[in-house]
Amino acid sequence: MGIINIEGNILDPQNPGHLYIPHHAFQTNYILVELKDEIDNETLAILEDKNAAIMQRVDEFTWLVYYTPWDLEKLASIPAIENALVYLDYFVIEQDLKDVLSAEKAEENISVAIALHAPPSSTNASLLRDS
């Protein structure tokens, strides 16, 4: 299982340090799915069958997925998937912004980019063109 890097926020799922990684998705529908290799039609079809819709690539083999069931084991059991975990709050704020805030630089103007993720309305098939 690889290291996940989203917007400078680095997580090693095998050694999460102080971060708690739940083994279920009771409180969210946003999941990170780490694949063993590039995504293909077979994996997309299996994900659709499991009610999982890929939203976007977030790292080399890691995808943000909209998944309504709570049981992550159903995703993790797919042969092409290395790991399935909840999209943690840890990833929401870019590391650069965290660094600025931790430096306590008062009265400094900061530009902030906000990404909102809506549940997908189309099938996963269109993703192969974009990946």
N, C-alpha and C. Protein backbone atom coordinates (compact mmCIF):
# COMPACT_ATOMS: atom_id res chain seq x y z
N MET A 1 0.85 -1.17 0.00
CA MET A 1 0.00 0.00 0.00
C MET A 1 0.89 1.23 0.00
N GLY A 2 0.57 2.18 -0.86
CA GLY A 2 1.42 3.34 -1.02
C GLY A 2 1.05 4.50 -0.12
N ILE A 3 1.89 5.49 -0.18
CA ILE A 3 1.66 6.75 0.54
C ILE A 3 0.69 7.58 -0.30
N ILE A 4 -0.29 8.19 0.33
CA ILE A 4 -1.26 9.03 -0.36
C ILE A 4 -0.87 10.49 -0.13
N ASN A 5 -0.81 11.26 -1.22
CA ASN A 5 -0.45 12.67 -1.14
C ASN A 5 -1.53 13.47 -1.85
N ILE A 6 -2.33 14.21 -1.07
CA ILE A 6 -3.39 15.05 -1.61
C ILE A 6 -3.13 16.48 -1.17
N GLU A 7 -2.84 17.34 -2.14
CA GLU A 7 -2.60 18.76 -1.86
C GLU A 7 -1.54 18.96 -0.78
N GLY A 8 -0.50 18.14 -0.81
CA GLY A 8 0.58 18.27 0.16
C GLY A 8 0.32 17.59 1.49
N ASN A 9 -0.87 17.06 1.68
CA ASN A 9 -1.21 16.30 2.89
C ASN A 9 -0.83 14.85 2.65
N ILE A 10 0.13 14.36 3.39
CA ILE A 10 0.68 13.03 3.16
C ILE A 10 0.19 12.06 4.23
N LEU A 11 -0.27 10.89 3.78
CA LEU A 11 -0.76 9.88 4.71
C LEU A 11 -0.22 8.52 4.28
N ASP A 12 0.35 7.82 5.23
CA ASP A 12 0.72 6.43 5.04
C ASP A 12 -0.35 5.62 5.77
N PRO A 13 -1.28 4.98 5.02
CA PRO A 13 -2.36 4.24 5.69
C PRO A 13 -1.87 3.14 6.62
N GLN A 14 -0.68 2.62 6.40
CA GLN A 14 -0.12 1.59 7.27
C GLN A 14 0.40 2.17 8.58
N ASN A 15 0.76 3.45 8.56
CA ASN A 15 1.30 4.11 9.75
C ASN A 15 0.72 5.53 9.82
N PRO A 16 -0.57 5.65 10.22
CA PRO A 16 -1.24 6.95 10.18
C PRO A 16 -0.85 7.93 11.28
N GLY A 17 0.03 7.52 12.17
CA GLY A 17 0.43 8.43 13.25
C GLY A 17 -0.74 8.79 14.13
N HIS A 18 -0.98 10.10 14.30
CA HIS A 18 -2.03 10.57 15.19
C HIS A 18 -3.43 10.52 14.56
N LEU A 19 -3.53 10.21 13.28
CA LEU A 19 -4.82 10.20 12.61
C LEU A 19 -5.59 8.91 12.86
N TYR A 20 -6.86 9.06 13.17
CA TYR A 20 -7.74 7.90 13.32
C TYR A 20 -8.37 7.61 11.96
N ILE A 21 -8.23 6.40 11.47
CA ILE A 21 -8.82 6.00 10.20
C ILE A 21 -9.91 4.98 10.48
N PRO A 22 -11.19 5.38 10.35
CA PRO A 22 -12.28 4.44 10.61
C PRO A 22 -12.31 3.33 9.57
N HIS A 23 -12.81 2.18 9.96
CA HIS A 23 -12.91 1.03 9.06
C HIS A 23 -14.31 0.89 8.48
N HIS A 24 -15.07 1.98 8.53
CA HIS A 24 -16.44 2.00 8.01
C HIS A 24 -16.72 3.42 7.52
N ALA A 25 -17.81 3.60 6.81
CA ALA A 25 -18.17 4.92 6.28
C ALA A 25 -19.54 5.34 6.77
N PHE A 26 -19.75 5.26 8.08
CA PHE A 26 -21.05 5.63 8.65
C PHE A 26 -21.34 7.12 8.51
N GLN A 27 -20.30 7.97 8.54
CA GLN A 27 -20.53 9.41 8.59
C GLN A 27 -20.16 10.14 7.31
N THR A 28 -19.86 9.42 6.25
CA THR A 28 -19.50 10.08 5.00
C THR A 28 -19.79 9.17 3.81
N ASN A 29 -19.91 9.77 2.65
CA ASN A 29 -20.05 9.02 1.40
C ASN A 29 -18.83 9.23 0.51
N TYR A 30 -17.81 9.90 1.03
CA TYR A 30 -16.60 10.18 0.26
C TYR A 30 -15.48 9.25 0.72
N ILE A 31 -15.00 8.44 -0.21
CA ILE A 31 -14.05 7.38 0.09
C ILE A 31 -12.84 7.54 -0.82
N LEU A 32 -11.67 7.21 -0.29
CA LEU A 32 -10.47 7.12 -1.12
C LEU A 32 -10.26 5.66 -1.47
N VAL A 33 -10.11 5.39 -2.76
CA VAL A 33 -9.86 4.04 -3.23
C VAL A 33 -8.49 4.04 -3.89
N GLU A 34 -7.60 3.23 -3.33
CA GLU A 34 -6.25 3.09 -3.88
C GLU A 34 -6.21 1.81 -4.71
N LEU A 35 -5.90 1.97 -5.99
CA LEU A 35 -5.84 0.83 -6.90
C LEU A 35 -4.43 0.26 -6.95
N LYS A 36 -4.34 -1.01 -7.35
CA LYS A 36 -3.04 -1.66 -7.49
C LYS A 36 -2.36 -1.25 -8.79
N ASP A 37 -3.15 -0.80 -9.77
CA ASP A 37 -2.63 -0.43 -11.09
C ASP A 37 -3.57 0.62 -11.67
N GLU A 38 -3.36 0.99 -12.93
CA GLU A 38 -4.24 1.95 -13.59
C GLU A 38 -5.67 1.42 -13.65
N ILE A 39 -6.61 2.33 -13.69
CA ILE A 39 -8.01 1.95 -13.75
C ILE A 39 -8.35 1.41 -15.15
N ASP A 40 -9.25 0.45 -15.21
CA ASP A 40 -9.65 -0.12 -16.50
C ASP A 40 -11.17 -0.33 -16.50
N ASN A 41 -11.69 -0.77 -17.66
CA ASN A 41 -13.14 -0.96 -17.80
C ASN A 41 -13.70 -1.98 -16.81
N GLU A 42 -12.96 -3.05 -16.57
CA GLU A 42 -13.44 -4.09 -15.65
C GLU A 42 -13.59 -3.53 -14.23
N THR A 43 -12.59 -2.78 -13.79
CA THR A 43 -12.65 -2.19 -12.44
C THR A 43 -13.79 -1.18 -12.35
N LEU A 44 -13.99 -0.38 -13.39
CA LEU A 44 -15.10 0.57 -13.39
C LEU A 44 -16.44 -0.14 -13.29
N ALA A 45 -16.60 -1.23 -14.02
CA ALA A 45 -17.85 -1.99 -13.98
C ALA A 45 -18.09 -2.58 -12.60
N ILE A 46 -17.06 -3.11 -11.99
CA ILE A 46 -17.19 -3.69 -10.65
C ILE A 46 -17.56 -2.61 -9.64
N LEU A 47 -16.92 -1.44 -9.73
CA LEU A 47 -17.24 -0.34 -8.83
C LEU A 47 -18.70 0.08 -8.98
N GLU A 48 -19.17 0.18 -10.21
CA GLU A 48 -20.58 0.54 -10.43
C GLU A 48 -21.51 -0.49 -9.80
N ASP A 49 -21.17 -1.76 -9.93
CA ASP A 49 -21.99 -2.82 -9.33
C ASP A 49 -22.03 -2.71 -7.81
N LYS A 50 -20.98 -2.14 -7.22
CA LYS A 50 -20.91 -1.98 -5.76
C LYS A 50 -21.45 -0.62 -5.30
N ASN A 51 -22.11 0.13 -6.22
CA ASN A 51 -22.66 1.46 -5.91
C ASN A 51 -21.58 2.48 -5.59
N ALA A 52 -20.46 2.37 -6.27
CA ALA A 52 -19.35 3.31 -6.09
C ALA A 52 -19.13 4.07 -7.39
N ALA A 53 -19.11 5.39 -7.32
CA ALA A 53 -18.91 6.22 -8.51
C ALA A 53 -17.64 7.05 -8.32
N ILE A 54 -16.71 6.88 -9.23
CA ILE A 54 -15.46 7.63 -9.15
C ILE A 54 -15.72 9.09 -9.48
N MET A 55 -15.18 9.98 -8.65
CA MET A 55 -15.36 11.41 -8.86
C MET A 55 -14.13 12.04 -9.50
N GLN A 56 -12.94 11.73 -8.98
CA GLN A 56 -11.72 12.30 -9.55
C GLN A 56 -10.49 11.58 -9.03
N ARG A 57 -9.42 11.68 -9.82
CA ARG A 57 -8.12 11.15 -9.39
C ARG A 57 -7.52 12.16 -8.40
N VAL A 58 -6.99 11.65 -7.29
CA VAL A 58 -6.38 12.54 -6.30
C VAL A 58 -4.89 12.27 -6.11
N ASP A 59 -4.42 11.14 -6.59
CA ASP A 59 -3.01 10.78 -6.51
C ASP A 59 -2.77 9.73 -7.61
N GLU A 60 -1.57 9.27 -7.76
CA GLU A 60 -1.23 8.39 -8.88
C GLU A 60 -2.22 7.23 -9.07
N PHE A 61 -2.47 6.46 -8.03
CA PHE A 61 -3.40 5.33 -8.11
C PHE A 61 -4.57 5.48 -7.15
N THR A 62 -4.80 6.68 -6.65
CA THR A 62 -5.85 6.91 -5.65
C THR A 62 -6.94 7.79 -6.24
N TRP A 63 -8.18 7.37 -6.01
CA TRP A 63 -9.34 8.06 -6.56
C TRP A 63 -10.31 8.43 -5.45
N LEU A 64 -10.93 9.59 -5.58
CA LEU A 64 -12.03 9.98 -4.70
C LEU A 64 -13.29 9.34 -5.27
N VAL A 65 -14.01 8.62 -4.41
CA VAL A 65 -15.17 7.85 -4.84
C VAL A 65 -16.37 8.24 -3.99
N TYR A 66 -17.52 8.38 -4.63
CA TYR A 66 -18.77 8.59 -3.91
C TYR A 66 -19.39 7.21 -3.70
N TYR A 67 -19.59 6.84 -2.43
CA TYR A 67 -20.00 5.49 -2.07
C TYR A 67 -21.03 5.58 -0.95
N THR A 68 -22.27 5.17 -1.23
CA THR A 68 -23.31 5.32 -0.22
C THR A 68 -23.35 4.23 0.84
N PRO A 69 -22.98 2.97 0.53
CA PRO A 69 -22.96 1.98 1.62
C PRO A 69 -21.87 2.32 2.66
N TRP A 70 -22.00 1.79 3.84
CA TRP A 70 -21.02 2.08 4.90
C TRP A 70 -19.89 1.06 4.96
N ASP A 71 -20.09 -0.12 4.39
CA ASP A 71 -19.14 -1.23 4.53
C ASP A 71 -17.98 -1.11 3.52
N LEU A 72 -16.84 -0.67 3.99
CA LEU A 72 -15.67 -0.49 3.12
C LEU A 72 -15.04 -1.82 2.72
N GLU A 73 -15.33 -2.88 3.44
CA GLU A 73 -14.79 -4.19 3.09
C GLU A 73 -15.27 -4.66 1.73
N LYS A 74 -16.49 -4.25 1.35
CA LYS A 74 -17.01 -4.63 0.03
C LYS A 74 -16.15 -4.04 -1.08
N LEU A 75 -15.64 -2.83 -0.87
CA LEU A 75 -14.74 -2.21 -1.85
C LEU A 75 -13.35 -2.82 -1.75
N ALA A 76 -12.85 -2.98 -0.54
CA ALA A 76 -11.50 -3.50 -0.33
C ALA A 76 -11.35 -4.93 -0.86
N SER A 77 -12.46 -5.65 -0.99
CA SER A 77 -12.40 -7.04 -1.47
C SER A 77 -12.29 -7.14 -3.00
N ILE A 78 -12.45 -6.03 -3.69
CA ILE A 78 -12.31 -6.04 -5.15
C ILE A 78 -10.84 -6.28 -5.48
N PRO A 79 -10.53 -7.26 -6.33
CA PRO A 79 -9.12 -7.61 -6.59
C PRO A 79 -8.23 -6.45 -7.04
N ALA A 80 -8.75 -5.50 -7.78
CA ALA A 80 -7.94 -4.39 -8.29
C ALA A 80 -7.66 -3.32 -7.23
N ILE A 81 -8.33 -3.41 -6.09
CA ILE A 81 -8.21 -2.37 -5.06
C ILE A 81 -7.20 -2.78 -3.99
N GLU A 82 -6.27 -1.89 -3.74
CA GLU A 82 -5.27 -2.08 -2.69
C GLU A 82 -5.85 -1.71 -1.33
N ASN A 83 -6.62 -0.61 -1.31
CA ASN A 83 -7.13 -0.11 -0.03
C ASN A 83 -8.34 0.78 -0.29
N ALA A 84 -9.28 0.79 0.64
CA ALA A 84 -10.42 1.70 0.62
C ALA A 84 -10.53 2.31 2.00
N LEU A 85 -10.49 3.63 2.05
CA LEU A 85 -10.60 4.30 3.34
C LEU A 85 -11.40 5.58 3.22
N VAL A 86 -11.91 6.05 4.32
CA VAL A 86 -12.70 7.26 4.37
C VAL A 86 -11.84 8.46 3.98
N TYR A 87 -12.43 9.38 3.21
CA TYR A 87 -11.76 10.64 2.88
C TYR A 87 -11.75 11.47 4.17
N LEU A 88 -10.60 11.56 4.78
CA LEU A 88 -10.46 12.18 6.10
C LEU A 88 -10.51 13.71 6.03
N ASP A 89 -10.96 14.34 7.11
CA ASP A 89 -10.92 15.80 7.22
C ASP A 89 -9.50 16.32 7.03
N TYR A 90 -8.53 15.51 7.36
CA TYR A 90 -7.11 15.84 7.24
C TYR A 90 -6.77 16.32 5.83
N PHE A 91 -7.46 15.81 4.81
CA PHE A 91 -7.17 16.16 3.43
C PHE A 91 -7.87 17.43 2.96
N VAL A 92 -8.82 17.93 3.71
CA VAL A 92 -9.66 19.03 3.25
C VAL A 92 -8.89 20.34 3.07
N ILE A 93 -8.00 20.65 3.98
CA ILE A 93 -7.23 21.90 3.91
C ILE A 93 -5.85 21.61 3.36
N GLU A 94 -5.45 22.35 2.32
CA GLU A 94 -4.13 22.16 1.72
C GLU A 94 -3.03 22.36 2.76
N GLN A 95 -1.96 21.59 2.64
CA GLN A 95 -0.85 21.68 3.59
C GLN A 95 -0.25 23.08 3.61
N ASP A 96 -0.14 23.73 2.44
CA ASP A 96 0.42 25.09 2.41
C ASP A 96 -0.39 26.05 3.26
N LEU A 97 -1.71 25.92 3.22
CA LEU A 97 -2.56 26.79 4.04
C LEU A 97 -2.39 26.45 5.51
N LYS A 98 -2.27 25.17 5.83
CA LYS A 98 -2.02 24.78 7.22
C LYS A 98 -0.72 25.40 7.73
N ASP A 99 0.31 25.41 6.87
CA ASP A 99 1.60 25.98 7.26
C ASP A 99 1.47 27.47 7.54
N VAL A 100 0.72 28.18 6.70
CA VAL A 100 0.52 29.62 6.90
C VAL A 100 -0.23 29.86 8.20
N LEU A 101 -1.28 29.10 8.43
CA LEU A 101 -2.07 29.28 9.65
C LEU A 101 -1.28 28.94 10.90
N SER A 102 -0.43 27.91 10.82
CA SER A 102 0.34 27.53 11.99
C SER A 102 1.45 28.55 12.29
N ALA A 103 1.84 29.31 11.29
CA ALA A 103 2.86 30.34 11.51
C ALA A 103 2.27 31.57 12.19
N GLU A 104 0.94 31.59 12.31
CA GLU A 104 0.24 32.68 12.99
C GLU A 104 0.63 34.04 12.43
N LYS A 105 0.58 34.17 11.13
CA LYS A 105 0.90 35.44 10.47
C LYS A 105 -0.36 36.29 10.43
N ALA A 106 -0.54 37.11 11.42
CA ALA A 106 -1.71 37.98 11.49
C ALA A 106 -1.63 39.06 10.43
N GLU A 107 -2.79 39.49 9.97
CA GLU A 107 -2.94 40.58 9.01
C GLU A 107 -2.30 40.29 7.65
N GLU A 108 -2.07 39.06 7.33
CA GLU A 108 -1.55 38.71 6.01
C GLU A 108 -2.71 38.20 5.17
N ASN A 109 -2.84 38.73 3.96
CA ASN A 109 -3.89 38.27 3.06
C ASN A 109 -3.49 36.92 2.47
N ILE A 110 -4.42 36.00 2.46
CA ILE A 110 -4.16 34.67 1.95
C ILE A 110 -5.26 34.32 0.94
N SER A 111 -4.87 33.79 -0.20
CA SER A 111 -5.84 33.29 -1.18
C SER A 111 -6.14 31.84 -0.84
N VAL A 112 -7.42 31.52 -0.87
CA VAL A 112 -7.84 30.16 -0.54
C VAL A 112 -8.68 29.61 -1.68
N ALA A 113 -8.36 28.40 -2.12
CA ALA A 113 -9.17 27.72 -3.14
C ALA A 113 -10.03 26.67 -2.44
N ILE A 114 -11.30 26.66 -2.77
CA ILE A 114 -12.23 25.71 -2.17
C ILE A 114 -12.80 24.83 -3.27
N ALA A 115 -12.75 23.52 -3.05
CA ALA A 115 -13.33 22.57 -4.00
C ALA A 115 -14.54 21.92 -3.36
N LEU A 116 -15.67 22.01 -4.03
CA LEU A 116 -16.88 21.37 -3.55
C LEU A 116 -17.14 20.14 -4.41
N HIS A 117 -17.47 19.04 -3.78
CA HIS A 117 -17.72 17.80 -4.49
C HIS A 117 -19.19 17.45 -4.39
N ALA A 118 -19.85 17.43 -5.53
CA ALA A 118 -21.25 17.00 -5.58
C ALA A 118 -21.30 15.53 -5.94
N PRO A 119 -22.32 14.83 -5.50
CA PRO A 119 -22.44 13.43 -5.90
C PRO A 119 -22.47 13.32 -7.42
N PRO A 120 -21.81 12.33 -7.97
CA PRO A 120 -21.77 12.21 -9.43
C PRO A 120 -23.15 11.88 -9.99
N SER A 121 -23.40 12.37 -11.21
CA SER A 121 -24.69 12.12 -11.83
C SER A 121 -24.58 11.24 -13.06
N SER A 122 -23.35 10.90 -13.45
CA SER A 122 -23.18 10.04 -14.62
C SER A 122 -22.45 8.77 -14.22
N THR A 123 -22.22 7.92 -15.19
CA THR A 123 -21.55 6.66 -14.90
C THR A 123 -20.05 6.84 -14.86
N ASN A 124 -19.35 5.82 -14.38
CA ASN A 124 -17.90 5.84 -14.31
C ASN A 124 -17.25 5.75 -15.69
N ALA A 125 -17.95 5.29 -16.70
CA ALA A 125 -17.36 5.03 -18.01
C ALA A 125 -16.69 6.24 -18.62
N SER A 126 -17.19 7.43 -18.37
CA SER A 126 -16.60 8.63 -18.96
C SER A 126 -15.21 8.93 -18.40
N LEU A 127 -14.83 8.33 -17.30
CA LEU A 127 -13.55 8.61 -16.67
C LEU A 127 -12.37 8.07 -17.46
N LEU A 128 -12.54 7.03 -18.20
CA LEU A 128 -11.43 6.45 -18.94
C LEU A 128 -10.86 7.44 -19.95
N ARG A 129 -11.68 8.31 -20.47
CA ARG A 129 -11.20 9.32 -21.41
C ARG A 129 -10.33 10.35 -20.70
N ASP A 130 -10.61 10.63 -19.40
CA ASP A 130 -9.91 11.68 -18.67
C ASP A 130 -8.68 11.20 -17.94
N SER A 131 -8.52 9.91 -17.76
CA SER A 131 -7.41 9.41 -16.94
C SER A 131 -6.16 9.20 -17.75
